[in-house]
Amino acid sequence: MSSEGPDLVCEVDNVQGIVDALTAVRWKRQQDAVVELSEHGVVLIVEESSCLQAKVYLQRELFIKYEYGGAQGRPRFGVSLGLLVNCLNTFSVPGSGRSSSTIEIRYPGPDMQLLLKSVDSLDACIYAEIRTRIPETISWDYNFEPAGTTPISFTVKSAALKEAIDDLEWPGSSVQIILQPDPPSVTFKGEGHGDLQIDFMYYVNTDLLIAFSCDHQVSYRYKYKFLQATTSNIPSSVIRDNRGSKLTIGRGGMLKVQHLVSVARPSIPHPHVDSAGYQQPSRIAYIEFFVKPEEDESTIND
């Protein structure tokens, strides 16, 4: 390790919250991720087939300690997402004392490893080293831009969104998403061995379709396996907390799906932090998926 010290030393007191956030973007067993560090926090990026990209934003406010080494640029490294999640899970076993463990995360180690260790256990110390690699270049720039002056977006309860997408499953199929302003509604339409259509009517059930913004009819098709990846691993905590997920259609039909995952440590005071801090909105991990539409488009977009 250089004499300048590590790029990052941080501590987190809700490992399970971090695991939930990372698991949300783990849609297959073997997945590589790129981790980017900055003074503002940690961003983890995964993608597939230049058609699907996901980002997990872990802002510095999520950590009870965050010391950034001030390296020029933004240090980046590649890591196996599955290995990272599995290692973090060893520090967070539901129903055991370790579920409330505080861990230190440090990068880089002497051989450019990512180093993890428990720091507040009285009877044992868990230590892990994760091999990193030079990151591959992110193959496409999501470059999400608004479709017009009026945002094309809606917010729906996460549980309802997951259920709707699960119901539309047909192998190799695509799903058409249609927004129309009059009456204000969102339609998910799947085509396979038959047709299945799921409608969310804004004025009929505002508890389900929480928010809606659209000034003209918009319709795009997305490959089912990529759309399913945006909801297939939504953490149970998000479903339990009855949170909403926001979907926005940008220029060219790019779909952005946003989830919020709590990384607050509920009802357990920590000696390093004022207990009021655990109620701050900043203790939320932000998850974004970007899905490109299918190119053979024959749908209506005014």
Protein backbone atom coordinates (compact mmCIF):
# COMPACT_ATOMS: atom_id res chain seq x y z
CA MET A 1 0.00 0.00 0.00
CA SER A 2 1.30 3.47 -0.76
CA SER A 3 2.36 5.84 2.01
CA GLU A 4 -0.51 8.09 1.07
CA GLY A 5 -2.91 5.72 2.79
CA PRO A 6 -6.13 4.07 1.61
CA ASP A 7 -8.61 5.71 -0.75
CA LEU A 8 -11.47 4.92 1.62
CA VAL A 9 -12.04 3.84 5.21
CA CYS A 10 -15.67 3.72 6.29
CA GLU A 11 -17.90 2.06 8.87
CA VAL A 12 -21.50 0.94 8.54
CA ASP A 13 -23.81 -0.21 11.34
CA ASN A 14 -26.59 -1.80 9.26
CA VAL A 15 -24.95 -4.46 7.13
CA GLN A 16 -28.32 -6.01 6.28
CA GLY A 17 -29.46 -2.74 4.70
CA ILE A 18 -26.37 -2.71 2.45
CA VAL A 19 -26.95 -6.39 1.58
CA ASP A 20 -30.58 -5.63 0.68
CA ALA A 21 -29.54 -2.76 -1.60
CA LEU A 22 -26.88 -4.80 -3.41
CA THR A 23 -29.11 -7.86 -3.71
CA ALA A 24 -31.71 -5.73 -5.50
CA VAL A 25 -29.38 -5.49 -8.51
CA ARG A 26 -28.21 -9.11 -8.44
CA TRP A 27 -30.37 -10.67 -11.15
CA LYS A 28 -28.12 -13.67 -11.92
CA ARG A 29 -25.60 -15.84 -10.12
CA GLN A 30 -22.41 -14.71 -11.89
CA GLN A 31 -22.28 -10.93 -12.07
CA ASP A 32 -19.39 -8.51 -12.20
CA ALA A 33 -19.74 -5.03 -10.77
CA VAL A 34 -17.77 -1.80 -10.96
CA VAL A 35 -17.41 0.17 -7.72
CA GLU A 36 -16.67 3.89 -7.87
CA LEU A 37 -15.52 5.87 -4.83
CA SER A 38 -15.80 9.60 -4.20
CA GLU A 39 -16.09 12.10 -1.37
CA HIS A 40 -19.87 11.87 -1.78
CA GLY A 41 -20.16 8.12 -1.30
CA VAL A 42 -19.95 4.78 -3.09
CA VAL A 43 -21.63 3.83 -6.38
CA LEU A 44 -21.89 0.22 -7.57
CA ILE A 45 -22.72 -0.41 -11.25
CA VAL A 46 -23.79 -3.61 -12.99
CA GLU A 47 -25.01 -4.13 -16.54
CA GLU A 48 -25.97 -6.75 -19.10
CA SER A 49 -25.98 -6.93 -22.89
CA SER A 50 -25.74 -3.14 -23.27
CA CYS A 51 -29.50 -3.12 -22.65
CA LEU A 52 -29.77 -3.10 -18.86
CA GLN A 53 -27.79 -1.13 -16.33
CA ALA A 54 -28.28 -0.75 -12.57
CA LYS A 55 -26.69 1.55 -10.02
CA VAL A 56 -26.70 1.46 -6.23
CA TYR A 57 -25.94 4.80 -4.60
CA LEU A 58 -24.57 4.54 -1.05
CA GLN A 59 -24.25 8.16 0.04
CA ARG A 60 -21.72 9.04 2.70
CA GLU A 61 -24.59 9.83 5.12
CA LEU A 62 -25.33 6.09 5.29
CA PHE A 63 -22.03 5.47 7.05
CA ILE A 64 -21.23 6.27 10.68
CA LYS A 65 -17.65 6.95 9.53
CA TYR A 66 -16.56 7.94 6.04
CA GLU A 67 -12.95 8.96 5.41
CA TYR A 68 -12.17 9.51 1.75
CA GLY A 69 -8.51 9.66 0.86
CA GLY A 70 -8.99 12.45 -1.65
CA ALA A 71 -7.46 10.55 -4.54
CA GLN A 72 -7.52 12.44 -7.81
CA GLY A 73 -10.38 11.40 -10.01
CA ARG A 74 -12.71 8.72 -8.71
CA PRO A 75 -11.00 5.42 -7.83
CA ARG A 76 -12.75 2.45 -9.45
CA PHE A 77 -12.37 -1.28 -9.14
CA GLY A 78 -14.11 -4.40 -10.40
CA VAL A 79 -15.49 -7.04 -8.06
CA SER A 80 -17.74 -10.09 -8.14
CA LEU A 81 -21.15 -8.91 -6.91
CA GLY A 82 -22.06 -12.37 -5.62
CA LEU A 83 -18.82 -12.65 -3.66
CA LEU A 84 -19.30 -9.18 -2.17
CA VAL A 85 -22.88 -9.94 -1.08
CA ASN A 86 -21.90 -13.33 0.37
CA CYS A 87 -19.03 -11.79 2.35
CA LEU A 88 -21.25 -9.06 3.74
CA ASN A 89 -23.80 -11.70 4.71
CA THR A 90 -21.28 -13.32 7.05
CA PHE A 91 -21.42 -10.10 9.08
CA SER A 92 -25.21 -10.05 9.14
CA VAL A 93 -26.94 -13.23 10.22
CA PRO A 94 -30.66 -12.64 11.03
CA GLY A 95 -31.56 -13.68 14.53
CA SER A 96 -28.00 -13.61 15.84
CA GLY A 97 -25.91 -11.02 17.61
CA ARG A 98 -23.96 -10.42 14.43
CA SER A 99 -27.02 -8.90 12.74
CA SER A 100 -26.24 -5.67 14.60
CA SER A 101 -22.49 -5.71 14.00
CA THR A 102 -20.64 -2.62 12.87
CA ILE A 103 -18.08 -3.30 10.15
CA GLU A 104 -15.19 -1.38 8.70
CA ILE A 105 -14.68 -1.32 4.93
CA ARG A 106 -11.26 -0.32 3.60
CA TYR A 107 -9.82 0.01 0.10
CA PRO A 108 -7.24 -0.74 -1.14
CA GLY A 109 -5.36 -3.37 0.84
CA PRO A 110 -1.70 -4.24 0.20
CA ASP A 111 -2.64 -6.19 -2.94
CA MET A 112 -5.55 -3.96 -4.00
CA GLN A 113 -8.04 -6.04 -2.02
CA LEU A 114 -11.29 -4.78 -0.52
CA LEU A 115 -10.96 -5.35 3.24
CA LEU A 116 -13.89 -5.92 5.63
CA LYS A 117 -13.79 -6.53 9.37
CA SER A 118 -16.13 -6.36 12.34
CA VAL A 119 -15.16 -3.67 14.83
CA ASP A 120 -17.59 -3.83 17.76
CA SER A 121 -17.80 -7.52 18.61
CA LEU A 122 -16.64 -8.35 22.14
CA ASP A 123 -15.98 -12.06 21.64
CA ALA A 124 -14.76 -12.41 18.05
CA CYS A 125 -13.56 -10.50 15.01
CA ILE A 126 -14.66 -11.44 11.52
CA TYR A 127 -12.26 -10.46 8.75
CA ALA A 128 -12.58 -10.79 4.98
CA GLU A 129 -10.46 -9.93 1.97
CA ILE A 130 -12.07 -9.67 -1.45
CA ARG A 131 -9.90 -9.74 -4.54
CA THR A 132 -10.59 -6.86 -6.91
CA ARG A 133 -9.59 -6.35 -10.52
CA ILE A 134 -9.08 -3.58 -13.03
CA PRO A 135 -12.64 -2.62 -14.03
CA GLU A 136 -13.91 -3.07 -17.51
CA THR A 137 -15.16 0.04 -19.26
CA ILE A 138 -18.88 0.56 -18.81
CA SER A 139 -20.11 -0.32 -22.28
CA TRP A 140 -22.83 2.29 -22.62
CA ASP A 141 -23.72 5.66 -21.23
CA TYR A 142 -27.29 5.72 -19.98
CA ASN A 143 -27.38 9.51 -20.55
CA PHE A 144 -30.97 9.69 -19.35
CA GLU A 145 -32.73 12.77 -20.72
CA PRO A 146 -36.35 13.89 -20.25
CA ALA A 147 -38.68 13.07 -23.12
CA GLY A 148 -40.10 16.61 -23.10
CA THR A 149 -41.05 19.54 -20.91
CA THR A 150 -43.59 17.43 -18.98
CA PRO A 151 -42.03 14.40 -17.25
CA ILE A 152 -43.40 11.04 -18.35
CA SER A 153 -43.43 9.20 -15.03
CA PHE A 154 -45.49 7.38 -12.45
CA THR A 155 -44.99 6.03 -8.95
CA VAL A 156 -46.57 2.73 -7.95
CA LYS A 157 -46.37 0.61 -4.81
CA SER A 158 -43.33 -1.64 -5.17
CA ALA A 159 -45.25 -4.79 -4.24
CA ALA A 160 -47.88 -4.10 -6.92
CA LEU A 161 -45.21 -3.39 -9.54
CA LYS A 162 -43.40 -6.66 -8.79
CA GLU A 163 -46.66 -8.63 -8.85
CA ALA A 164 -47.70 -7.11 -12.18
CA ILE A 165 -44.37 -7.87 -13.87
CA ASP A 166 -44.30 -11.40 -12.44
CA ASP A 167 -47.79 -12.03 -13.84
CA LEU A 168 -46.70 -10.99 -17.34
CA GLU A 169 -44.03 -13.66 -17.69
CA TRP A 170 -43.76 -15.53 -20.97
CA PRO A 171 -40.41 -16.97 -22.07
CA GLY A 172 -38.69 -14.69 -24.58
CA SER A 173 -41.55 -12.23 -24.57
CA SER A 174 -41.68 -8.45 -24.35
CA VAL A 175 -43.86 -6.13 -22.30
CA GLN A 176 -45.46 -3.00 -23.65
CA ILE A 177 -45.83 -0.07 -21.25
CA ILE A 178 -48.47 2.50 -22.23
CA LEU A 179 -49.13 5.81 -20.50
CA GLN A 180 -52.06 7.97 -21.48
CA PRO A 181 -53.29 11.22 -19.93
CA ASP A 182 -57.04 10.79 -20.48
CA PRO A 183 -58.05 8.93 -18.47
CA PRO A 184 -54.73 9.04 -16.60
CA SER A 185 -53.55 5.44 -16.55
CA VAL A 186 -50.65 3.06 -16.99
CA THR A 187 -51.01 -0.22 -18.87
CA PHE A 188 -48.62 -3.18 -18.83
CA LYS A 189 -49.34 -5.51 -21.75
CA GLY A 190 -47.63 -8.85 -22.23
CA GLU A 191 -47.75 -10.94 -25.37
CA GLY A 192 -46.82 -14.61 -25.61
CA HIS A 193 -49.08 -17.64 -25.87
CA GLY A 194 -51.90 -15.14 -25.29
CA ASP A 195 -52.38 -11.55 -24.22
CA LEU A 196 -52.46 -10.26 -20.67
CA GLN A 197 -53.07 -6.64 -19.78
CA ILE A 198 -52.75 -5.00 -16.36
CA ASP A 199 -54.14 -1.49 -15.89
CA PHE A 200 -53.33 1.01 -13.16
CA MET A 201 -55.98 3.78 -13.16
CA TYR A 202 -54.73 6.89 -11.38
CA TYR A 203 -58.03 8.30 -10.11
CA VAL A 204 -59.50 4.90 -9.24
CA ASN A 205 -56.80 3.89 -6.76
CA THR A 206 -54.32 6.57 -5.72
CA ASP A 207 -53.13 4.30 -2.91
CA LEU A 208 -51.73 1.96 -5.57
CA LEU A 209 -50.73 4.40 -8.32
CA ILE A 210 -49.33 7.10 -6.05
CA ALA A 211 -48.25 9.72 -8.61
CA PHE A 212 -48.72 10.22 -12.34
CA SER A 213 -47.35 12.71 -14.89
CA CYS A 214 -48.05 12.47 -18.63
CA ASP A 215 -49.37 14.96 -21.22
CA HIS A 216 -49.56 12.67 -24.27
CA GLN A 217 -49.82 8.97 -25.01
CA VAL A 218 -46.52 7.12 -24.86
CA SER A 219 -45.89 3.45 -25.61
CA TYR A 220 -42.69 1.38 -25.67
CA ARG A 221 -41.83 -2.31 -25.56
CA TYR A 222 -39.15 -3.78 -23.32
CA LYS A 223 -37.67 -7.27 -23.28
CA TYR A 224 -39.29 -9.14 -20.41
CA LYS A 225 -36.11 -10.53 -18.87
CA PHE A 226 -34.66 -7.04 -18.51
CA LEU A 227 -37.88 -5.56 -17.12
CA GLN A 228 -38.17 -8.43 -14.65
CA ALA A 229 -34.62 -7.80 -13.41
CA THR A 230 -35.75 -4.38 -12.12
CA THR A 231 -38.13 -5.98 -9.60
CA SER A 232 -37.13 -9.65 -9.21
CA ASN A 233 -34.98 -9.00 -6.12
CA ILE A 234 -36.74 -6.09 -4.45
CA PRO A 235 -35.83 -6.53 -0.75
CA SER A 236 -38.58 -7.75 1.55
CA SER A 237 -37.95 -4.63 3.67
CA VAL A 238 -39.15 -2.45 0.78
CA ILE A 239 -42.32 -4.54 0.41
CA ARG A 240 -42.84 -4.56 4.18
CA ASP A 241 -42.39 -0.79 4.46
CA ASN A 242 -45.01 -0.36 1.72
CA ARG A 243 -42.70 1.85 -0.31
CA GLY A 244 -43.27 3.10 -3.83
CA SER A 245 -41.13 2.70 -6.94
CA LYS A 246 -40.86 5.45 -9.55
CA LEU A 247 -40.74 4.71 -13.28
CA THR A 248 -39.77 7.41 -15.79
CA ILE A 249 -39.64 7.17 -19.58
CA GLY A 250 -36.98 9.40 -21.09
CA ARG A 251 -35.96 10.37 -24.59
CA GLY A 252 -35.96 7.47 -27.03
CA GLY A 253 -37.95 5.30 -24.64
CA MET A 254 -35.19 4.77 -22.07
CA LEU A 255 -36.90 3.46 -18.92
CA LYS A 256 -35.62 4.42 -15.49
CA VAL A 257 -36.87 2.45 -12.47
CA GLN A 258 -36.04 3.81 -9.01
CA HIS A 259 -36.32 2.04 -5.63
CA LEU A 260 -35.48 3.26 -2.13
CA VAL A 261 -33.96 0.89 0.46
CA SER A 262 -33.68 1.88 4.12
CA VAL A 263 -30.24 1.51 5.65
CA ALA A 264 -31.35 2.90 9.01
CA ARG A 265 -30.66 0.74 12.03
CA PRO A 266 -34.07 0.66 13.75
CA SER A 267 -34.45 1.26 17.48
CA ILE A 268 -30.85 0.38 18.34
CA PRO A 269 -28.88 3.35 19.73
CA HIS A 270 -25.26 3.65 18.70
CA PRO A 271 -22.65 5.37 20.89
CA HIS A 272 -21.17 7.23 17.90
CA VAL A 273 -24.36 8.79 16.59
CA ASP A 274 -27.27 10.76 17.98
CA SER A 275 -30.27 8.45 17.97
CA ALA A 276 -32.29 11.10 16.11
CA GLY A 277 -29.97 10.55 13.15
CA TYR A 278 -31.55 7.20 12.42
CA GLN A 279 -34.74 8.86 11.29
CA GLN A 280 -33.02 11.02 8.72
CA PRO A 281 -34.12 10.51 5.09
CA SER A 282 -30.43 10.46 4.15
CA ARG A 283 -30.15 6.91 5.48
CA ILE A 284 -31.68 5.61 2.28
CA ALA A 285 -29.86 3.71 -0.46
CA TYR A 286 -30.98 4.80 -3.93
CA ILE A 287 -31.27 2.14 -6.62
CA GLU A 288 -31.71 2.97 -10.30
CA PHE A 289 -32.24 0.66 -13.26
CA PHE A 290 -31.99 1.80 -16.89
CA VAL A 291 -33.66 -0.37 -19.52
CA LYS A 292 -33.35 0.26 -23.26
CA PRO A 293 -36.52 -0.30 -25.31
CA GLU A 294 -36.73 -2.86 -28.07
CA GLU A 295 -35.58 -1.37 -31.36
CA ASP A 296 -38.24 -2.85 -33.65
CA GLU A 297 -40.71 -0.29 -32.40
CA SER A 298 -44.18 -0.09 -33.89
CA THR A 299 -45.87 1.65 -31.01
CA ILE A 300 -47.39 5.10 -30.66
CA ASN A 301 -45.24 8.01 -29.53
CA ASP A 302 -46.49 11.46 -30.40
